[in-house]
Amino acid sequence: MVGKPIKKDRKKGKSTLISLMGYEKTLRYANNLKKKILLKLKKHGKVAKDLTETIEFIERRNF
């Protein structure tokens, strides 16, 4: 397993982006944030390659 168990925050009464904004808005927010980050990294060229690949991996991963 990677990370913490599912719904652990809810059981502890903690807020999450999904609980506050809903799944669709959270997904749009994450995608927009990713685009902004990748645009900023683009100007650093090859130096930012590892970070760019990590961001793209995180987006593509499935649970």
Protein backbone atom coordinates (compact mmCIF):
# COMPACT_ATOMS: atom_id res chain seq x y z
CA MET A 1 0.00 0.00 0.00
CA VAL A 2 1.13 3.53 -0.74
CA GLY A 3 0.15 6.41 1.53
CA LYS A 4 -2.44 6.22 4.25
CA PRO A 5 -5.65 4.18 4.32
CA ILE A 6 -8.65 5.50 2.38
CA LYS A 7 -11.12 7.65 4.37
CA LYS A 8 -8.74 8.03 7.32
CA ASP A 9 -9.16 11.84 7.24
CA ARG A 10 -12.95 11.57 7.26
CA LYS A 11 -12.88 9.26 10.27
CA LYS A 12 -10.78 11.84 12.13
CA GLY A 13 -13.08 14.70 11.09
CA LYS A 14 -10.46 16.35 8.87
CA SER A 15 -11.35 18.29 5.74
CA THR A 16 -9.99 17.37 2.32
CA LEU A 17 -10.19 19.19 -1.00
CA ILE A 18 -12.68 16.62 -2.25
CA SER A 19 -14.92 17.01 0.80
CA LEU A 20 -14.79 20.81 0.52
CA MET A 21 -14.99 21.26 -3.28
CA GLY A 22 -16.34 17.98 -4.62
CA TYR A 23 -14.55 15.53 -6.89
CA GLU A 24 -15.02 17.32 -10.23
CA LYS A 25 -13.88 20.74 -8.98
CA THR A 26 -10.91 19.18 -7.22
CA LEU A 27 -9.92 17.38 -10.42
CA ARG A 28 -10.16 20.62 -12.44
CA TYR A 29 -8.18 22.47 -9.77
CA ALA A 30 -5.43 19.83 -9.83
CA ASN A 31 -5.26 19.84 -13.63
CA ASN A 32 -5.03 23.63 -13.78
CA LEU A 33 -2.34 23.65 -11.11
CA LYS A 34 -0.38 20.99 -13.00
CA LYS A 35 -0.55 23.03 -16.21
CA LYS A 36 0.70 26.16 -14.44
CA ILE A 37 3.58 24.28 -12.83
CA LEU A 38 4.61 22.61 -16.10
CA LEU A 39 4.58 25.97 -17.90
CA LYS A 40 6.89 27.45 -15.27
CA LEU A 41 9.19 24.42 -15.41
CA LYS A 42 9.38 24.54 -19.20
CA LYS A 43 11.60 27.62 -19.12
CA HIS A 44 14.19 25.64 -17.13
CA GLY A 45 14.58 23.06 -19.90
CA LYS A 46 16.46 19.84 -19.22
CA VAL A 47 17.31 20.85 -15.64
CA ALA A 48 13.62 20.37 -14.71
CA LYS A 49 13.19 17.11 -16.62
CA ASP A 50 13.02 14.86 -13.52
CA LEU A 51 10.51 17.10 -11.78
CA THR A 52 8.39 17.36 -14.92
CA GLU A 53 8.37 13.57 -15.32
CA THR A 54 7.41 13.15 -11.67
CA ILE A 55 4.43 15.49 -12.05
CA GLU A 56 3.29 13.65 -15.18
CA PHE A 57 3.67 10.28 -13.39
CA ILE A 58 1.54 11.47 -10.48
CA GLU A 59 -1.19 12.54 -12.87
CA ARG A 60 -1.25 9.21 -14.71
CA ARG A 61 -1.12 6.88 -11.70
CA ASN A 62 -4.10 4.74 -10.81
CA PHE A 63 -5.16 3.49 -7.40
